[in-house]
Amino acid sequence: MELKKLLNGLENYKSKGSLDLDIKKVECNSKNIKPNSLFVAIKGYDFDGHEYVEEAIENGAVAVVLDISANLKKIKISKPDVTVIIIEDSRKAFAKISCNYFGNPSRYFKLIGVTGTKGKTTTTYMLKSILEKAGYKVGLIGTVANYIGEDCLGYSSRTTPESLELQGLFYKMAKAKCDYVVMEVSSQSLKLNRVEGCYFDYAIFTNLYKDHISLKEHSDMNEYFEAKLKLFTMTPRGFVNSDDFKCNKIIKGAPNCNISTYAVDNKADLLAKDITITNVSVDFKVKIGMRNERIKVNIPGRYSVYNALSAISVVNAIGGIDVEKIKEGLESIVVPGRNELVTNKKELAIMIDYAHTAESLENVLQAAKTYTPGKVICVFGCGGDRDKEKRPRMGEVAGRLADYTIITTDNPRTENPEEIISEIEKGISKTKGKYEIVVDRKSAIEKAIKLTNKRDLLILAGKGHETTQEINGKKYPFDEREIVKEILGEKIND
C-alpha cells in the first residue's frame, strides 16, 4: 500500500521524503520489521520505540513515524532516503494507520463495544450467543479468546489487542462475512487509543468499581472513568446501567450518543423484576416488546441479571430478533472462568471464577453464601505489578464472607509473592475469618480440596479462564481445571 494512503485521516503531520513509497508491512516493534516496512515509534511504559528507530531502519524500514514529544535530536536516521513523518500523537497515528492498512474493516459489520469494570466478558458471550441463535455470524474479541463463530482464533494476551492486531482480527472477521462483532473495550485500550478509528455501532457500560489504579494503568478513578466515557463519544447508540453511580455522568459526558438505561433497582428503560436466584441459575421478568418475559441464565448471581439486561438492551435496539431466540441464547451460555463449575467424579462443588477485585470477590462470595448449604471455602491471591490498594480490601472481604480462606499467589509477575500475601493478610487479620497461607497455588488448591465436602462450595478466585501463571516475567502452564482433575486423580479430558 502506498505510504500516503496509509496516512489518510491523519492531521497536522510534517514529512520529509517521498510519500509514494510502496509499504509492505506496518509495525511498532523494530524486531518485526522487514524490508519496505513502515515503523511507528511509540512511547510505552517500559520501552520507547524512538530508541529503536535505527534498528528498524537497519531491518528494512523505509519510513518512520515519530512523536513530536520525543527527543528528536537524539534520533539518528542512518539512511538519507528514509521518509520521516513527525506527528503530535504517534500512538493514535498507529491506530489509524492500522485501520488504513487493513482497509478499515470495522465498516463491514456491526461493531458492539462493551466496557466497564466487571461483566464485560460475560456480556459479550451473551450477545454472541443470542445473535448466533438468531442466525447471524458473529465474531468475538475479548479477555478469554477471539472467535469467528465456533472457530477460535487464539487465546488473548490482553483484553483489547494492540491496534495492528485488532484491525487484523477485524479484517479476518470481515472476510469471513461476520454480521456482528462483539468486543470487550478495556479502559487501557481507550486511554492508549488502540481503538481509534473503529466504527462502533453500539456501546455498553456495565459498571465502575475501583480497579486498575497503578503506575502502569490509571492514575486515579477520575482518569479511569474518563477513559471508559470515551467509548460513548465514538458511537451513536449506548446502553448504561442506571444502578451505577456514574450513569448520569456518562449521559451528560456523551451528548451526541443516544443512551438508554437498564437496571434492577432504579428507574430505567429496561427493568428486571421478580428475580429468583438459585445455586445454578438466575431468572427474572423483563419487558421485551409488548410482553413481560421470564428470562433464565445458568450463571447464578445478581450480576448475571445486569449482564443479561445489557445484552437484551442491544438486541432490542437491533430489532427483528424473536424473543425465543433471546431466551435460548441466554439459557445456553457458558463463560470460561466465570462461575465455572469443574465437574468431577467426587461431586464436589468446585467453582473457578475470575474475581480479582474486592468488589467482584464480594459479589461471588455473597452469592455463594445464599445458596451453599455447607461452608464456602475461598482460595485467592492478588496479581503483582498491579493495584496494591485492593490487596487488603480483598483480604477483608474474604475474611468477612468466606467460612475459610487460603491465601496464595495469583500472577506475582515481578513482585515477591510473600510480600503480596502479607498485604492481603493485613486486611483479613482485621476480621474474625479463619484463614491460612499456602504460597504455592497448586498446593493451596490441593489443601482446599481436602477440606471440601459435598455440602461445601470451593471457590478458586482470581485466575478464571487463564491457563498460565506469570512469575518473574515468564509464563508457566497453569490451568486450574486440569489441576483440579489431577489432584482428584481424574483424567484431564474427563
Protein backbone atom coordinates (compact mmCIF):
# COMPACT_ATOMS: atom_id res chain seq x y z
CA MET A 1 0.00 0.00 0.00
CA GLU A 2 1.20 3.50 -0.78
CA LEU A 3 2.51 5.38 2.23
CA LYS A 4 0.28 8.38 1.51
CA LYS A 5 -2.79 6.13 1.63
CA LEU A 6 -1.70 4.75 4.98
CA LEU A 7 -1.64 8.33 6.26
CA ASN A 8 -5.24 9.07 5.23
CA GLY A 9 -7.12 10.79 8.05
CA LEU A 10 -4.01 11.91 9.93
CA GLU A 11 -3.81 15.62 10.64
CA ASN A 12 -1.05 18.15 11.26
CA TYR A 13 1.90 15.95 10.45
CA LYS A 14 5.17 17.00 8.90
CA SER A 15 7.05 14.78 6.48
CA LYS A 16 10.46 14.66 4.91
CA GLY A 17 10.95 12.33 1.98
CA SER A 18 8.70 10.57 -0.50
CA LEU A 19 5.13 9.59 0.39
CA ASP A 20 4.82 7.48 -2.77
CA LEU A 21 6.62 4.51 -1.22
CA ASP A 22 5.09 1.04 -1.51
CA ILE A 23 4.78 -0.20 2.08
CA LYS A 24 4.68 -3.97 2.55
CA LYS A 25 4.32 -4.06 6.33
CA VAL A 26 3.41 -1.79 9.26
CA GLU A 27 5.00 -2.36 12.69
CA CYS A 28 5.63 -0.70 16.06
CA ASN A 29 8.14 -3.39 17.10
CA SER A 30 11.53 -2.87 15.47
CA LYS A 31 12.36 -6.57 15.77
CA ASN A 32 9.45 -7.46 13.46
CA ILE A 33 10.46 -5.04 10.72
CA LYS A 34 11.03 -6.50 7.23
CA PRO A 35 12.24 -4.77 4.04
CA ASN A 36 9.93 -1.97 2.82
CA SER A 37 8.20 -1.57 6.19
CA LEU A 38 6.77 1.44 7.97
CA PHE A 39 7.94 1.73 11.57
CA VAL A 40 5.80 3.69 14.01
CA ALA A 41 7.71 4.68 17.15
CA ILE A 42 5.52 4.58 20.26
CA LYS A 43 6.29 5.52 23.83
CA GLY A 44 5.31 2.70 26.18
CA TYR A 45 5.53 2.19 29.93
CA ASP A 46 8.62 0.00 29.71
CA PHE A 47 10.06 0.82 26.28
CA ASP A 48 10.26 3.83 23.99
CA GLY A 49 10.13 2.93 20.32
CA HIS A 50 12.11 6.05 19.47
CA GLU A 51 15.18 4.35 20.91
CA TYR A 52 14.87 1.62 18.27
CA VAL A 53 14.47 3.71 15.12
CA GLU A 54 17.99 2.88 13.94
CA GLU A 55 17.39 -0.84 14.45
CA ALA A 56 14.13 -0.58 12.49
CA ILE A 57 15.91 1.11 9.59
CA GLU A 58 18.68 -1.50 9.62
CA ASN A 59 16.00 -4.21 9.44
CA GLY A 60 14.42 -2.63 6.36
CA ALA A 61 12.13 0.24 7.38
CA VAL A 62 11.85 2.75 4.53
CA ALA A 63 9.69 5.16 6.51
CA VAL A 64 9.32 6.03 10.19
CA VAL A 65 6.64 7.85 12.18
CA LEU A 66 7.88 9.80 15.21
CA ASP A 67 6.05 11.51 18.07
CA ILE A 68 6.74 15.23 18.28
CA SER A 69 7.17 14.97 22.07
CA ALA A 70 10.18 12.66 21.68
CA ASN A 71 13.73 13.94 21.85
CA LEU A 72 14.07 14.12 18.07
CA LYS A 73 17.64 15.46 18.21
CA LYS A 74 18.83 12.13 19.63
CA ILE A 75 17.29 10.12 16.81
CA LYS A 76 19.71 9.36 14.00
CA ILE A 77 18.37 8.48 10.58
CA SER A 78 21.20 6.40 9.18
CA LYS A 79 19.90 6.31 5.59
CA PRO A 80 19.11 9.60 3.77
CA ASP A 81 16.32 8.08 1.63
CA VAL A 82 14.20 7.04 4.64
CA THR A 83 10.98 9.05 4.87
CA VAL A 84 10.43 10.69 8.25
CA ILE A 85 6.96 11.66 9.48
CA ILE A 86 6.52 13.69 12.68
CA ILE A 87 3.11 13.84 14.30
CA GLU A 88 1.56 15.00 17.57
CA ASP A 89 0.50 11.55 18.82
CA SER A 90 2.25 8.58 17.23
CA ARG A 91 0.19 6.06 19.20
CA LYS A 92 -3.07 7.47 17.87
CA ALA A 93 -1.48 7.63 14.43
CA PHE A 94 -0.55 3.95 14.69
CA ALA A 95 -4.19 3.07 15.31
CA LYS A 96 -5.41 4.99 12.26
CA ILE A 97 -2.59 3.68 10.10
CA SER A 98 -3.55 0.14 11.18
CA CYS A 99 -7.15 0.83 10.14
CA ASN A 100 -5.99 2.07 6.73
CA TYR A 101 -3.57 -0.84 6.30
CA PHE A 102 -6.41 -3.36 6.63
CA GLY A 103 -8.95 -1.29 4.69
CA ASN A 104 -10.98 -0.06 7.69
CA PRO A 105 -12.62 -3.47 8.21
CA SER A 106 -14.97 -2.38 11.05
CA ARG A 107 -17.09 -0.66 8.38
CA TYR A 108 -18.15 -4.05 7.04
CA PHE A 109 -20.03 -5.35 10.09
CA LYS A 110 -21.93 -4.03 13.10
CA LEU A 111 -19.50 -3.46 15.99
CA ILE A 112 -20.66 -3.70 19.61
CA GLY A 113 -18.26 -2.48 22.31
CA VAL A 114 -18.62 -3.41 25.99
CA THR A 115 -16.75 -1.50 28.70
CA GLY A 116 -16.90 -1.47 32.50
CA THR A 117 -15.01 -2.87 35.47
CA LYS A 118 -17.00 -6.09 35.67
CA GLY A 119 -19.22 -8.04 33.33
CA LYS A 120 -17.52 -7.31 30.00
CA THR A 121 -16.65 -10.91 29.19
CA THR A 122 -20.00 -12.40 30.21
CA THR A 123 -21.93 -9.72 28.34
CA THR A 124 -20.01 -10.29 25.10
CA TYR A 125 -20.63 -14.05 25.35
CA MET A 126 -24.33 -13.39 25.97
CA LEU A 127 -24.59 -11.16 22.91
CA LYS A 128 -22.72 -13.65 20.77
CA SER A 129 -24.99 -16.48 21.92
CA ILE A 130 -28.22 -14.56 21.25
CA LEU A 131 -27.13 -13.27 17.85
CA GLU A 132 -25.99 -16.71 16.76
CA LYS A 133 -29.29 -18.26 17.86
CA ALA A 134 -30.94 -15.63 15.65
CA GLY A 135 -28.90 -16.85 12.69
CA TYR A 136 -26.19 -14.21 12.49
CA LYS A 137 -22.47 -14.86 12.04
CA VAL A 138 -20.64 -13.32 14.98
CA GLY A 139 -17.04 -12.50 15.85
CA LEU A 140 -15.86 -12.04 19.43
CA ILE A 141 -12.79 -10.27 20.81
CA GLY A 142 -12.00 -10.26 24.50
CA THR A 143 -10.20 -11.34 27.62
CA VAL A 144 -10.54 -15.09 27.14
CA ALA A 145 -10.07 -15.65 23.41
CA ASN A 146 -11.03 -14.39 19.96
CA TYR A 147 -13.60 -16.19 17.82
CA ILE A 148 -15.32 -16.27 14.48
CA GLY A 149 -18.39 -18.35 15.24
CA GLU A 150 -17.10 -21.52 16.89
CA ASP A 151 -13.60 -21.16 15.42
CA CYS A 152 -11.08 -19.95 18.00
CA LEU A 153 -8.54 -17.55 16.52
CA GLY A 154 -6.30 -17.83 19.58
CA TYR A 155 -6.25 -17.05 23.27
CA SER A 156 -5.84 -13.45 24.34
CA SER A 157 -2.82 -11.84 25.95
CA ARG A 158 -4.82 -8.69 26.79
CA THR A 159 -8.48 -7.70 26.91
CA THR A 160 -8.30 -5.43 23.86
CA PRO A 161 -5.46 -6.13 21.41
CA GLU A 162 -2.94 -3.57 20.18
CA SER A 163 -4.20 -1.61 17.15
CA LEU A 164 -2.50 -3.60 14.40
CA GLU A 165 -3.55 -6.95 15.86
CA LEU A 166 -7.08 -5.66 16.43
CA GLN A 167 -7.50 -4.47 12.86
CA GLY A 168 -6.04 -7.75 11.63
CA LEU A 169 -8.73 -9.63 13.57
CA PHE A 170 -11.39 -7.30 12.18
CA TYR A 171 -10.07 -7.99 8.68
CA LYS A 172 -10.45 -11.74 9.19
CA MET A 173 -13.96 -11.24 10.56
CA ALA A 174 -14.98 -9.01 7.66
CA LYS A 175 -13.51 -11.50 5.18
CA ALA A 176 -15.48 -14.29 6.91
CA LYS A 177 -18.60 -12.14 6.41
CA CYS A 178 -19.43 -11.66 10.08
CA ASP A 179 -22.66 -9.75 10.58
CA TYR A 180 -21.72 -8.61 14.07
CA VAL A 181 -18.55 -8.35 16.14
CA VAL A 182 -18.80 -8.03 19.92
CA MET A 183 -15.71 -6.93 21.78
CA GLU A 184 -14.52 -6.02 25.24
CA VAL A 185 -13.14 -2.50 25.25
CA SER A 186 -10.78 -2.00 28.17
CA SER A 187 -10.13 1.38 29.75
CA GLN A 188 -6.46 0.91 28.92
CA SER A 189 -7.21 0.45 25.22
CA LEU A 190 -9.29 3.63 25.24
CA LYS A 191 -6.63 5.57 27.13
CA LEU A 192 -3.92 4.39 24.73
CA ASN A 193 -6.06 4.95 21.61
CA ARG A 194 -5.92 1.32 20.49
CA VAL A 195 -9.50 1.53 19.21
CA GLU A 196 -9.07 4.88 17.45
CA GLY A 197 -10.66 4.69 14.01
CA CYS A 198 -13.04 1.84 14.87
CA TYR A 199 -16.65 2.27 13.71
CA PHE A 200 -18.72 1.36 16.77
CA ASP A 201 -22.46 0.92 16.25
CA TYR A 202 -23.39 0.17 19.88
CA ALA A 203 -21.67 0.57 23.27
CA ILE A 204 -22.45 -0.83 26.73
CA PHE A 205 -21.32 0.45 30.12
CA THR A 206 -21.68 -2.23 32.79
CA ASN A 207 -20.37 -0.57 35.99
CA LEU A 208 -17.42 1.19 37.57
CA TYR A 209 -15.51 -0.02 40.62
CA LYS A 210 -12.08 0.79 41.99
CA ASP A 211 -9.62 -1.20 39.92
CA HIS A 212 -6.72 -0.71 37.51
CA ILE A 213 -5.27 2.17 39.53
CA SER A 214 -1.48 1.85 39.28
CA LEU A 215 1.59 3.38 37.69
CA LYS A 216 1.07 1.33 34.52
CA GLU A 217 -2.69 1.76 34.30
CA HIS A 218 -4.70 4.76 35.57
CA SER A 219 -3.56 7.45 37.99
CA ASP A 220 -6.92 7.74 39.76
CA MET A 221 -10.62 6.89 39.49
CA ASN A 222 -11.42 10.02 37.51
CA GLU A 223 -8.93 9.12 34.79
CA TYR A 224 -10.26 5.55 34.84
CA PHE A 225 -13.82 6.80 34.31
CA GLU A 226 -12.85 9.32 31.62
CA ALA A 227 -11.20 6.54 29.64
CA LYS A 228 -14.41 4.50 29.67
CA LEU A 229 -16.52 7.53 28.83
CA LYS A 230 -14.52 7.95 25.64
CA LEU A 231 -16.22 4.90 24.09
CA PHE A 232 -19.56 6.74 24.19
CA THR A 233 -18.12 9.63 22.21
CA MET A 234 -17.27 7.12 19.46
CA THR A 235 -20.69 5.55 18.96
CA PRO A 236 -24.20 6.78 18.08
CA ARG A 237 -26.02 4.37 20.43
CA GLY A 238 -25.25 3.50 24.04
CA PHE A 239 -26.66 1.48 26.94
CA VAL A 240 -25.82 2.28 30.56
CA ASN A 241 -26.50 0.61 33.90
CA SER A 242 -28.56 3.22 35.79
CA ASP A 243 -27.91 1.44 39.11
CA ASP A 244 -24.28 2.54 38.76
CA PHE A 245 -23.35 5.91 40.26
CA LYS A 246 -21.58 7.03 37.06
CA CYS A 247 -24.64 6.60 34.84
CA ASN A 248 -25.66 10.26 34.72
CA LYS A 249 -22.08 11.40 34.13
CA ILE A 250 -21.87 9.20 31.07
CA ILE A 251 -25.15 10.55 29.72
CA LYS A 252 -24.00 14.14 30.27
CA GLY A 253 -20.48 13.44 29.05
CA ALA A 254 -21.59 11.98 25.70
CA PRO A 255 -24.34 14.35 24.48
CA ASN A 256 -24.16 13.09 20.89
CA CYS A 257 -24.79 9.47 21.87
CA ASN A 258 -28.37 8.22 22.12
CA ILE A 259 -28.23 6.48 25.51
CA SER A 260 -30.79 4.11 27.03
CA THR A 261 -30.66 2.64 30.52
CA TYR A 262 -31.19 -0.71 32.21
CA ALA A 263 -31.42 -1.52 35.92
CA VAL A 264 -32.65 -3.69 38.77
CA ASP A 265 -33.28 -1.03 41.44
CA ASN A 266 -33.51 2.39 39.80
CA LYS A 267 -35.81 3.76 37.13
CA ALA A 268 -34.67 2.65 33.69
CA ASP A 269 -35.77 1.95 30.12
CA LEU A 270 -35.32 -1.78 30.74
CA LEU A 271 -36.05 -3.04 34.23
CA ALA A 272 -35.70 -6.54 35.73
CA LYS A 273 -38.39 -7.68 38.16
CA ASP A 274 -39.30 -10.77 40.18
CA ILE A 275 -35.72 -12.05 40.39
CA THR A 276 -35.06 -15.60 41.63
CA ILE A 277 -31.50 -16.81 42.30
CA THR A 278 -30.57 -20.45 42.94
CA ASN A 279 -27.25 -22.25 43.23
CA VAL A 280 -27.20 -22.98 39.50
CA SER A 281 -29.12 -20.17 37.79
CA VAL A 282 -30.97 -16.89 37.95
CA ASP A 283 -34.28 -15.96 36.36
CA PHE A 284 -36.25 -12.73 36.16
CA LYS A 285 -39.02 -10.93 34.31
CA VAL A 286 -38.34 -8.17 31.80
CA LYS A 287 -40.45 -6.42 29.20
CA ILE A 288 -39.48 -7.32 25.65
CA GLY A 289 -41.70 -5.79 23.02
CA MET A 290 -45.20 -5.59 24.49
CA ARG A 291 -44.90 -8.58 26.83
CA ASN A 292 -43.26 -9.39 30.13
CA GLU A 293 -40.98 -12.37 29.52
CA ARG A 294 -39.27 -14.66 32.02
CA ILE A 295 -35.56 -14.99 31.28
CA LYS A 296 -33.29 -17.68 32.68
CA VAL A 297 -29.48 -17.61 32.83
CA ASN A 298 -27.50 -20.61 34.07
CA ILE A 299 -24.97 -18.41 35.86
CA PRO A 300 -26.08 -17.68 39.43
CA GLY A 301 -25.78 -14.21 40.92
CA ARG A 302 -27.36 -10.78 40.72
CA TYR A 303 -24.67 -9.56 38.32
CA SER A 304 -25.94 -12.08 35.74
CA VAL A 305 -29.19 -10.12 35.69
CA TYR A 306 -27.33 -6.89 34.85
CA ASN A 307 -25.27 -8.56 32.13
CA ALA A 308 -28.37 -10.12 30.60
CA LEU A 309 -30.23 -6.79 30.69
CA SER A 310 -27.39 -5.05 28.85
CA ALA A 311 -27.39 -7.74 26.16
CA ILE A 312 -31.17 -7.60 25.81
CA SER A 313 -30.98 -3.79 25.51
CA VAL A 314 -28.71 -4.06 22.47
CA VAL A 315 -30.79 -6.84 20.93
CA ASN A 316 -33.96 -4.77 21.35
CA ALA A 317 -32.25 -1.87 19.58
CA ILE A 318 -31.16 -4.13 16.73
CA GLY A 319 -34.73 -5.35 16.37
CA GLY A 320 -36.21 -8.27 14.50
CA ILE A 321 -34.91 -10.98 16.85
CA ASP A 322 -37.54 -13.40 18.14
CA VAL A 323 -37.89 -13.44 21.92
CA GLU A 324 -37.46 -17.21 21.98
CA LYS A 325 -34.01 -16.80 20.40
CA ILE A 326 -33.13 -14.31 23.16
CA LYS A 327 -34.23 -16.83 25.79
CA GLU A 328 -32.35 -19.70 24.13
CA GLY A 329 -29.21 -17.63 23.78
CA LEU A 330 -29.14 -16.61 27.42
CA GLU A 331 -30.09 -20.00 28.83
CA SER A 332 -27.42 -21.89 26.88
CA ILE A 333 -24.47 -19.60 27.64
CA VAL A 334 -21.27 -20.89 29.27
CA VAL A 335 -18.50 -18.41 30.01
CA PRO A 336 -14.99 -19.80 30.70
CA GLY A 337 -13.76 -18.77 34.14
CA ARG A 338 -16.93 -17.02 35.21
CA ASN A 339 -18.77 -19.05 37.86
CA GLU A 340 -17.45 -22.09 36.01
CA LEU A 341 -18.11 -25.33 37.87
CA VAL A 342 -15.49 -28.08 37.40
CA THR A 343 -17.32 -31.39 37.05
CA ASN A 344 -15.70 -34.24 38.93
CA LYS A 345 -16.50 -37.81 39.95
CA LYS A 346 -16.44 -36.95 43.65
CA GLU A 347 -19.28 -34.49 43.01
CA LEU A 348 -17.52 -31.70 44.86
CA ALA A 349 -18.72 -28.20 44.08
CA ILE A 350 -15.54 -26.50 42.81
CA MET A 351 -16.01 -23.17 41.09
CA ILE A 352 -13.44 -21.23 39.08
CA ASP A 353 -14.08 -17.50 38.85
CA TYR A 354 -12.06 -14.57 37.55
CA ALA A 355 -12.96 -12.37 40.56
CA HIS A 356 -9.80 -10.34 41.09
CA THR A 357 -11.09 -7.18 42.78
CA ALA A 358 -12.64 -6.64 46.21
CA GLU A 359 -15.99 -5.86 44.62
CA SER A 360 -16.08 -8.88 42.32
CA LEU A 361 -14.88 -11.19 45.10
CA GLU A 362 -17.56 -9.80 47.40
CA ASN A 363 -20.25 -10.42 44.79
CA VAL A 364 -19.14 -14.01 44.23
CA LEU A 365 -18.87 -14.82 47.94
CA GLN A 366 -22.13 -13.13 48.89
CA ALA A 367 -23.99 -15.01 46.19
CA ALA A 368 -22.36 -18.29 47.21
CA LYS A 369 -23.38 -17.83 50.83
CA THR A 370 -27.05 -17.61 49.84
CA TYR A 371 -27.17 -20.97 48.09
CA THR A 372 -24.45 -23.11 49.71
CA PRO A 373 -25.74 -25.43 52.47
CA GLY A 374 -22.26 -26.06 53.87
CA LYS A 375 -19.05 -24.00 54.05
CA VAL A 376 -17.81 -21.53 51.44
CA ILE A 377 -14.06 -22.07 51.08
CA CYS A 378 -12.07 -19.50 49.12
CA VAL A 379 -8.60 -19.73 47.56
CA PHE A 380 -7.22 -16.48 46.15
CA GLY A 381 -4.23 -14.19 45.77
CA CYS A 382 -3.52 -10.85 44.07
CA GLY A 383 -1.54 -10.11 40.93
CA GLY A 384 1.85 -8.45 41.13
CA ASP A 385 2.67 -5.11 39.45
CA ARG A 386 -0.98 -4.08 39.75
CA ASP A 387 -3.17 -2.05 42.12
CA LYS A 388 -1.73 -2.60 45.60
CA GLU A 389 -4.57 -0.88 47.43
CA LYS A 390 -7.02 -3.66 46.60
CA ARG A 391 -4.97 -6.34 48.37
CA PRO A 392 -6.00 -5.65 51.99
CA ARG A 393 -9.54 -4.91 50.81
CA MET A 394 -9.77 -8.32 49.16
CA GLY A 395 -8.39 -9.89 52.32
CA GLU A 396 -11.04 -8.13 54.39
CA VAL A 397 -13.81 -9.29 52.04
CA ALA A 398 -12.66 -12.92 52.15
CA GLY A 399 -12.29 -12.86 55.94
CA ARG A 400 -15.74 -11.38 56.38
CA LEU A 401 -17.65 -13.60 53.94
CA ALA A 402 -15.83 -16.91 53.42
CA ASP A 403 -16.03 -19.61 56.06
CA TYR A 404 -12.39 -20.46 55.40
CA THR A 405 -9.76 -18.78 53.22
CA ILE A 406 -6.44 -19.94 51.86
CA ILE A 407 -4.31 -17.01 50.75
CA THR A 408 -1.91 -17.90 47.96
CA THR A 409 -0.29 -16.50 44.82
CA ASP A 410 -2.03 -15.28 41.69
CA ASN A 411 0.30 -13.95 38.98
CA PRO A 412 3.12 -12.45 41.07
CA ARG A 413 4.88 -11.20 37.95
CA THR A 414 7.99 -9.32 39.14
CA GLU A 415 6.90 -8.92 42.77
CA ASN A 416 7.79 -11.11 45.74
CA PRO A 417 4.77 -13.42 46.36
CA GLU A 418 5.26 -13.34 50.14
CA GLU A 419 5.09 -9.53 50.15
CA ILE A 420 1.84 -9.57 48.16
CA ILE A 421 0.38 -12.12 50.57
CA SER A 422 1.42 -10.05 53.59
CA GLU A 423 -0.54 -7.09 52.20
CA ILE A 424 -3.62 -9.30 51.75
CA GLU A 425 -3.15 -10.57 55.31
CA LYS A 426 -3.35 -7.01 56.67
CA GLY A 427 -6.96 -6.95 55.58
CA ILE A 428 -8.05 -10.44 56.56
CA SER A 429 -6.43 -10.12 60.01
CA LYS A 430 -8.88 -7.31 60.81
CA THR A 431 -11.74 -9.80 60.59
CA LYS A 432 -12.64 -12.89 62.57
CA GLY A 433 -12.36 -15.03 59.45
CA LYS A 434 -10.40 -18.27 59.61
CA TYR A 435 -7.52 -18.49 57.17
CA GLU A 436 -4.11 -19.90 56.41
CA ILE A 437 -1.32 -19.11 53.96
CA VAL A 438 -0.08 -21.56 51.34
CA VAL A 439 2.24 -19.69 48.97
CA ASP A 440 2.28 -22.25 46.15
CA ARG A 441 -1.10 -22.02 44.38
CA LYS A 442 -1.30 -25.67 43.35
CA SER A 443 -0.58 -26.75 46.92
CA ALA A 444 -3.21 -24.29 48.13
CA ILE A 445 -5.81 -25.82 45.81
CA GLU A 446 -4.88 -29.32 46.96
CA LYS A 447 -5.21 -28.31 50.61
CA ALA A 448 -8.59 -26.67 49.93
CA ILE A 449 -9.96 -29.74 48.14
CA LYS A 450 -9.08 -31.88 51.17
CA LEU A 451 -11.15 -29.50 53.32
CA THR A 452 -14.18 -29.63 50.99
CA ASN A 453 -17.16 -31.97 51.27
CA LYS A 454 -20.27 -32.32 49.10
CA ARG A 455 -22.23 -29.69 51.03
CA ASP A 456 -19.47 -27.10 50.62
CA LEU A 457 -18.50 -24.81 47.77
CA LEU A 458 -14.83 -24.28 46.93
CA ILE A 459 -14.15 -21.08 45.02
CA LEU A 460 -10.84 -20.68 43.21
CA ALA A 461 -10.82 -16.95 42.60
CA GLY A 462 -8.67 -14.66 40.52
CA LYS A 463 -7.38 -16.58 37.53
CA GLY A 464 -10.59 -17.72 35.89
CA HIS A 465 -10.05 -18.52 32.21
CA GLU A 466 -6.27 -18.12 32.40
CA THR A 467 -4.16 -21.17 31.60
CA THR A 468 -0.77 -19.81 32.72
CA GLN A 469 0.83 -18.30 35.80
CA GLU A 470 3.28 -15.42 35.34
CA ILE A 471 6.32 -15.45 37.61
CA ASN A 472 9.36 -13.18 37.09
CA GLY A 473 8.40 -12.36 33.52
CA LYS A 474 7.85 -15.98 32.46
CA LYS A 475 4.52 -17.72 31.95
CA TYR A 476 4.16 -21.28 33.17
CA PRO A 477 1.29 -23.69 32.29
CA PHE A 478 -1.40 -23.38 34.96
CA ASP A 479 -4.94 -24.41 34.04
CA GLU A 480 -6.97 -24.79 37.24
CA ARG A 481 -9.43 -27.17 35.58
CA GLU A 482 -6.60 -29.56 34.80
CA ILE A 483 -5.01 -29.05 38.22
CA VAL A 484 -8.28 -29.91 39.99
CA LYS A 485 -8.69 -33.09 37.97
CA GLU A 486 -5.05 -34.02 38.54
CA ILE A 487 -5.43 -33.58 42.31
CA LEU A 488 -8.59 -35.69 42.26
CA GLY A 489 -6.83 -38.39 40.24
CA GLU A 490 -9.01 -37.97 37.17
CA LYS A 491 -8.09 -37.91 33.52
CA ILE A 492 -7.67 -34.39 32.16
CA ASN A 493 -10.20 -34.90 29.34
CA ASP A 494 -12.88 -36.42 31.55
